[in-house]
Amino acid sequence: MYSSSYSRSLLSSSDAVNSSIWLIVSIILAVVGGILIYFLFLSKKNEGYKWQ
Protein backbone atom coordinates (compact mmCIF):
# COMPACT_ATOMS: atom_id res chain seq x y z
CA MET A 1 0.00 0.00 0.00
CA TYR A 2 2.57 2.57 1.03
CA SER A 3 6.31 2.73 1.17
CA SER A 4 7.96 3.26 4.52
CA SER A 5 11.24 5.11 4.73
CA TYR A 6 11.83 3.72 8.24
CA SER A 7 13.46 0.53 6.98
CA ARG A 8 15.75 2.49 4.66
CA SER A 9 16.85 4.88 7.41
CA LEU A 10 17.38 1.96 9.81
CA LEU A 11 19.52 0.23 7.20
CA SER A 12 21.63 3.31 6.60
CA SER A 13 22.17 3.82 10.34
CA SER A 14 23.28 0.22 10.75
CA ASP A 15 25.68 0.69 7.83
CA ALA A 16 27.11 3.72 9.61
CA VAL A 17 27.52 1.70 12.81
CA ASN A 18 29.22 -1.12 10.90
CA SER A 19 31.63 1.23 9.17
CA SER A 20 32.46 3.01 12.42
CA ILE A 21 33.14 -0.35 14.10
CA TRP A 22 35.52 -1.31 11.28
CA LEU A 23 37.18 2.09 11.56
CA ILE A 24 37.80 1.60 15.30
CA VAL A 25 39.09 -1.94 14.75
CA SER A 26 41.48 -0.81 12.02
CA ILE A 27 42.81 2.04 14.18
CA ILE A 28 43.43 -0.38 17.07
CA LEU A 29 45.22 -2.82 14.74
CA ALA A 30 47.35 -0.01 13.32
CA VAL A 31 48.40 1.13 16.81
CA VAL A 32 49.21 -2.42 17.92
CA GLY A 33 51.16 -3.03 14.70
CA GLY A 34 53.12 0.18 15.19
CA ILE A 35 54.01 -0.79 18.76
CA LEU A 36 55.11 -4.26 17.62
CA ILE A 37 57.27 -2.82 14.84
CA TYR A 38 58.87 -0.40 17.29
CA PHE A 39 59.74 -3.08 19.83
CA LEU A 40 60.80 -5.67 17.27
CA PHE A 41 62.90 -3.51 14.95
CA LEU A 42 63.47 -0.02 16.31
CA SER A 43 64.22 -0.52 20.00
CA LYS A 44 67.62 0.32 21.51
CA LYS A 45 68.39 -3.38 21.88
CA ASN A 46 68.51 -3.78 18.10
CA GLU A 47 70.34 -0.52 17.41
CA GLY A 48 73.80 -2.03 17.04
CA TYR A 49 72.74 -4.76 14.64
CA LYS A 50 74.20 -4.41 11.14
CA TRP A 51 72.20 -5.61 8.17
CA GLN A 52 74.19 -7.73 5.72
PDB file of N, CA and C in Angstrom:
ATOM      1  N   MET A   1       0.800  -1.194   0.000  1.00  0.00           N
ATOM      2  CA  MET A   1       0.000   0.000   0.000  1.00  0.00           C
ATOM      3  C   MET A   1       0.849   1.268   0.000  1.00  0.00           C
ATOM      4  N   TYR A   2       1.726   1.373   0.968  1.00  0.00           N
ATOM      5  CA  TYR A   2       2.566   2.571   1.035  1.00  0.00           C
ATOM      6  C   TYR A   2       3.999   2.157   1.339  1.00  0.00           C
ATOM      7  N   SER A   3       4.893   3.001   0.973  1.00  0.00           N
ATOM      8  CA  SER A   3       6.311   2.728   1.171  1.00  0.00           C
ATOM      9  C   SER A   3       6.786   3.421   2.440  1.00  0.00           C
ATOM     10  N   SER A   4       7.456   2.686   3.279  1.00  0.00           N
ATOM     11  CA  SER A   4       7.956   3.257   4.522  1.00  0.00           C
ATOM     12  C   SER A   4       9.439   3.563   4.380  1.00  0.00           C
ATOM     13  N   SER A   5       9.823   4.766   4.781  1.00  0.00           N
ATOM     14  CA  SER A   5      11.238   5.112   4.731  1.00  0.00           C
ATOM     15  C   SER A   5      11.957   4.695   6.005  1.00  0.00           C
ATOM     16  N   TYR A   6      11.216   4.136   6.979  1.00  0.00           N
ATOM     17  CA  TYR A   6      11.834   3.724   8.242  1.00  0.00           C
ATOM     18  C   TYR A   6      12.856   2.629   8.030  1.00  0.00           C
ATOM     19  N   SER A   7      12.529   1.639   7.200  1.00  0.00           N
ATOM     20  CA  SER A   7      13.458   0.528   6.984  1.00  0.00           C
ATOM     21  C   SER A   7      14.721   1.013   6.270  1.00  0.00           C
ATOM     22  N   ARG A   8      14.574   1.969   5.355  1.00  0.00           N
ATOM     23  CA  ARG A   8      15.748   2.488   4.664  1.00  0.00           C
ATOM     24  C   ARG A   8      16.628   3.297   5.611  1.00  0.00           C
ATOM     25  N   SER A   9      16.039   4.101   6.478  1.00  0.00           N
ATOM     26  CA  SER A   9      16.849   4.885   7.415  1.00  0.00           C
ATOM     27  C   SER A   9      17.488   3.979   8.457  1.00  0.00           C
ATOM     28  N   LEU A  10      16.804   2.918   8.861  1.00  0.00           N
ATOM     29  CA  LEU A  10      17.375   1.958   9.807  1.00  0.00           C
ATOM     30  C   LEU A  10      18.558   1.245   9.175  1.00  0.00           C
ATOM     31  N   LEU A  11      18.428   0.898   7.905  1.00  0.00           N
ATOM     32  CA  LEU A  11      19.520   0.233   7.200  1.00  0.00           C
ATOM     33  C   LEU A  11      20.719   1.152   7.080  1.00  0.00           C
ATOM     34  N   SER A  12      20.501   2.408   6.756  1.00  0.00           N
ATOM     35  CA  SER A  12      21.629   3.313   6.602  1.00  0.00           C
ATOM     36  C   SER A  12      22.305   3.584   7.944  1.00  0.00           C
ATOM     37  N   SER A  13      21.535   3.615   9.036  1.00  0.00           N
ATOM     38  CA  SER A  13      22.171   3.825  10.343  1.00  0.00           C
ATOM     39  C   SER A  13      22.963   2.597  10.759  1.00  0.00           C
ATOM     40  N   SER A  14      22.504   1.403  10.417  1.00  0.00           N
ATOM     41  CA  SER A  14      23.277   0.216  10.750  1.00  0.00           C
ATOM     42  C   SER A  14      24.536   0.136   9.897  1.00  0.00           C
ATOM     43  N   ASP A  15      24.472   0.627   8.662  1.00  0.00           N
ATOM     44  CA  ASP A  15      25.679   0.693   7.834  1.00  0.00           C
ATOM     45  C   ASP A  15      26.691   1.660   8.435  1.00  0.00           C
ATOM     46  N   ALA A  16      26.202   2.764   8.970  1.00  0.00           N
ATOM     47  CA  ALA A  16      27.106   3.725   9.610  1.00  0.00           C
ATOM     48  C   ALA A  16      27.737   3.113  10.851  1.00  0.00           C
ATOM     49  N   VAL A  17      26.984   2.353  11.611  1.00  0.00           N
ATOM     50  CA  VAL A  17      27.523   1.695  12.806  1.00  0.00           C
ATOM     51  C   VAL A  17      28.559   0.662  12.402  1.00  0.00           C
ATOM     52  N   ASN A  18      28.265  -0.113  11.361  1.00  0.00           N
ATOM     53  CA  ASN A  18      29.225  -1.124  10.900  1.00  0.00           C
ATOM     54  C   ASN A  18      30.509  -0.483  10.412  1.00  0.00           C
ATOM     55  N   SER A  19      30.411   0.597   9.665  1.00  0.00           N
ATOM     56  CA  SER A  19      31.631   1.227   9.165  1.00  0.00           C
ATOM     57  C   SER A  19      32.415   1.884  10.292  1.00  0.00           C
ATOM     58  N   SER A  20      31.727   2.418  11.304  1.00  0.00           N
ATOM     59  CA  SER A  20      32.464   3.005  12.424  1.00  0.00           C
ATOM     60  C   SER A  20      33.129   1.923  13.263  1.00  0.00           C
ATOM     61  N   ILE A  21      32.513   0.760  13.382  1.00  0.00           N
ATOM     62  CA  ILE A  21      33.142  -0.350  14.104  1.00  0.00           C
ATOM     63  C   ILE A  21      34.398  -0.801  13.377  1.00  0.00           C
ATOM     64  N   TRP A  22      34.334  -0.914  12.049  1.00  0.00           N
ATOM     65  CA  TRP A  22      35.517  -1.311  11.284  1.00  0.00           C
ATOM     66  C   TRP A  22      36.601  -0.251  11.355  1.00  0.00           C
ATOM     67  N   LEU A  23      36.202   1.020  11.421  1.00  0.00           N
ATOM     68  CA  LEU A  23      37.184   2.094  11.564  1.00  0.00           C
ATOM     69  C   LEU A  23      37.912   1.989  12.891  1.00  0.00           C
ATOM     70  N   ILE A  24      37.184   1.739  13.973  1.00  0.00           N
ATOM     71  CA  ILE A  24      37.796   1.603  15.296  1.00  0.00           C
ATOM     72  C   ILE A  24      38.713   0.386  15.343  1.00  0.00           C
ATOM     73  N   VAL A  25      38.273  -0.726  14.772  1.00  0.00           N
ATOM     74  CA  VAL A  25      39.088  -1.944  14.753  1.00  0.00           C
ATOM     75  C   VAL A  25      40.371  -1.717  13.959  1.00  0.00           C
ATOM     76  N   SER A  26      40.280  -1.040  12.826  1.00  0.00           N
ATOM     77  CA  SER A  26      41.484  -0.811  12.017  1.00  0.00           C
ATOM     78  C   SER A  26      42.447   0.149  12.709  1.00  0.00           C
ATOM     79  N   ILE A  27      41.935   1.137  13.431  1.00  0.00           N
ATOM     80  CA  ILE A  27      42.813   2.039  14.182  1.00  0.00           C
ATOM     81  C   ILE A  27      43.534   1.275  15.287  1.00  0.00           C
ATOM     82  N   ILE A  28      42.808   0.406  15.995  1.00  0.00           N
ATOM     83  CA  ILE A  28      43.431  -0.384  17.065  1.00  0.00           C
ATOM     84  C   ILE A  28      44.509  -1.299  16.488  1.00  0.00           C
ATOM     85  N   LEU A  29      44.223  -1.939  15.365  1.00  0.00           N
ATOM     86  CA  LEU A  29      45.218  -2.817  14.741  1.00  0.00           C
ATOM     87  C   LEU A  29      46.436  -2.032  14.260  1.00  0.00           C
ATOM     88  N   ALA A  30      46.229  -0.826  13.761  1.00  0.00           N
ATOM     89  CA  ALA A  30      47.354  -0.007  13.321  1.00  0.00           C
ATOM     90  C   ALA A  30      48.232   0.402  14.501  1.00  0.00           C
ATOM     91  N   VAL A  31      47.621   0.748  15.626  1.00  0.00           N
ATOM     92  CA  VAL A  31      48.400   1.134  16.809  1.00  0.00           C
ATOM     93  C   VAL A  31      49.176  -0.062  17.343  1.00  0.00           C
ATOM     94  N   VAL A  32      48.524  -1.214  17.437  1.00  0.00           N
ATOM     95  CA  VAL A  32      49.212  -2.419  17.920  1.00  0.00           C
ATOM     96  C   VAL A  32      50.338  -2.811  16.968  1.00  0.00           C
ATOM     97  N   GLY A  33      50.110  -2.718  15.668  1.00  0.00           N
ATOM     98  CA  GLY A  33      51.158  -3.026  14.702  1.00  0.00           C
ATOM     99  C   GLY A  33      52.327  -2.068  14.807  1.00  0.00           C
ATOM    100  N   GLY A  34      52.050  -0.790  15.014  1.00  0.00           N
ATOM    101  CA  GLY A  34      53.123   0.182  15.193  1.00  0.00           C
ATOM    102  C   GLY A  34      53.949  -0.091  16.430  1.00  0.00           C
ATOM    103  N   ILE A  35      53.290  -0.460  17.518  1.00  0.00           N
ATOM    104  CA  ILE A  35      54.012  -0.793  18.757  1.00  0.00           C
ATOM    105  C   ILE A  35      54.870  -2.034  18.559  1.00  0.00           C
ATOM    106  N   LEU A  36      54.335  -3.041  17.885  1.00  0.00           N
ATOM    107  CA  LEU A  36      55.113  -4.255  17.618  1.00  0.00           C
ATOM    108  C   LEU A  36      56.319  -3.960  16.742  1.00  0.00           C
ATOM    109  N   ILE A  37      56.136  -3.156  15.707  1.00  0.00           N
ATOM    110  CA  ILE A  37      57.273  -2.815  14.839  1.00  0.00           C
ATOM    111  C   ILE A  37      58.327  -2.061  15.623  1.00  0.00           C
ATOM    112  N   TYR A  38      57.901  -1.150  16.487  1.00  0.00           N
ATOM    113  CA  TYR A  38      58.872  -0.397  17.287  1.00  0.00           C
ATOM    114  C   TYR A  38      59.683  -1.325  18.174  1.00  0.00           C
ATOM    115  N   PHE A  39      59.012  -2.213  18.906  1.00  0.00           N
ATOM    116  CA  PHE A  39      59.741  -3.076  19.831  1.00  0.00           C
ATOM    117  C   PHE A  39      60.518  -4.178  19.138  1.00  0.00           C
ATOM    118  N   LEU A  40      60.083  -4.605  17.962  1.00  0.00           N
ATOM    119  CA  LEU A  40      60.802  -5.672  17.268  1.00  0.00           C
ATOM    120  C   LEU A  40      61.985  -5.157  16.460  1.00  0.00           C
ATOM    121  N   PHE A  41      61.876  -3.960  15.880  1.00  0.00           N
ATOM    122  CA  PHE A  41      62.900  -3.505  14.950  1.00  0.00           C
ATOM    123  C   PHE A  41      63.587  -2.215  15.343  1.00  0.00           C
ATOM    124  N   LEU A  42      62.934  -1.345  16.086  1.00  0.00           N
ATOM    125  CA  LEU A  42      63.471  -0.017  16.310  1.00  0.00           C
ATOM    126  C   LEU A  42      63.903   0.247  17.750  1.00  0.00           C
ATOM    127  N   SER A  43      63.853  -0.747  18.602  1.00  0.00           N
ATOM    128  CA  SER A  43      64.222  -0.516  19.996  1.00  0.00           C
ATOM    129  C   SER A  43      65.739  -0.394  20.135  1.00  0.00           C
ATOM    130  N   LYS A  44      66.184   0.115  21.265  1.00  0.00           N
ATOM    131  CA  LYS A  44      67.619   0.319  21.509  1.00  0.00           C
ATOM    132  C   LYS A  44      68.394  -0.994  21.497  1.00  0.00           C
ATOM    133  N   LYS A  45      67.729  -2.079  21.845  1.00  0.00           N
ATOM    134  CA  LYS A  45      68.385  -3.383  21.876  1.00  0.00           C
ATOM    135  C   LYS A  45      68.878  -3.784  20.488  1.00  0.00           C
ATOM    136  N   ASN A  46      68.150  -3.405  19.464  1.00  0.00           N
ATOM    137  CA  ASN A  46      68.507  -3.779  18.097  1.00  0.00           C
ATOM    138  C   ASN A  46      69.301  -2.698  17.379  1.00  0.00           C
ATOM    139  N   GLU A  47      69.692  -1.646  18.076  1.00  0.00           N
ATOM    140  CA  GLU A  47      70.337  -0.517  17.412  1.00  0.00           C
ATOM    141  C   GLU A  47      71.703  -0.860  16.845  1.00  0.00           C
ATOM    142  N   GLY A  48      72.468  -1.716  17.507  1.00  0.00           N
ATOM    143  CA  GLY A  48      73.804  -2.026  17.042  1.00  0.00           C
ATOM    144  C   GLY A  48      73.876  -3.103  15.983  1.00  0.00           C
ATOM    145  N   TYR A  49      72.744  -3.684  15.625  1.00  0.00           N
ATOM    146  CA  TYR A  49      72.742  -4.763  14.640  1.00  0.00           C
ATOM    147  C   TYR A  49      72.987  -4.223  13.242  1.00  0.00           C
ATOM    148  N   LYS A  50      73.886  -4.839  12.508  1.00  0.00           N
ATOM    149  CA  LYS A  50      74.198  -4.405  11.144  1.00  0.00           C
ATOM    150  C   LYS A  50      73.544  -5.355  10.147  1.00  0.00           C
ATOM    151  N   TRP A  51      72.819  -4.790   9.211  1.00  0.00           N
ATOM    152  CA  TRP A  51      72.197  -5.607   8.166  1.00  0.00           C
ATOM    153  C   TRP A  51      73.268  -6.013   7.166  1.00  0.00           C
ATOM    154  N   GLN A  52      73.177  -7.231   6.644  1.00  0.00           N
ATOM    155  CA  GLN A  52      74.188  -7.732   5.721  1.00  0.00           C
ATOM    156  C   GLN A  52      73.776  -7.538   4.292  1.00  0.00           C
TER     157      GLN A  52
END
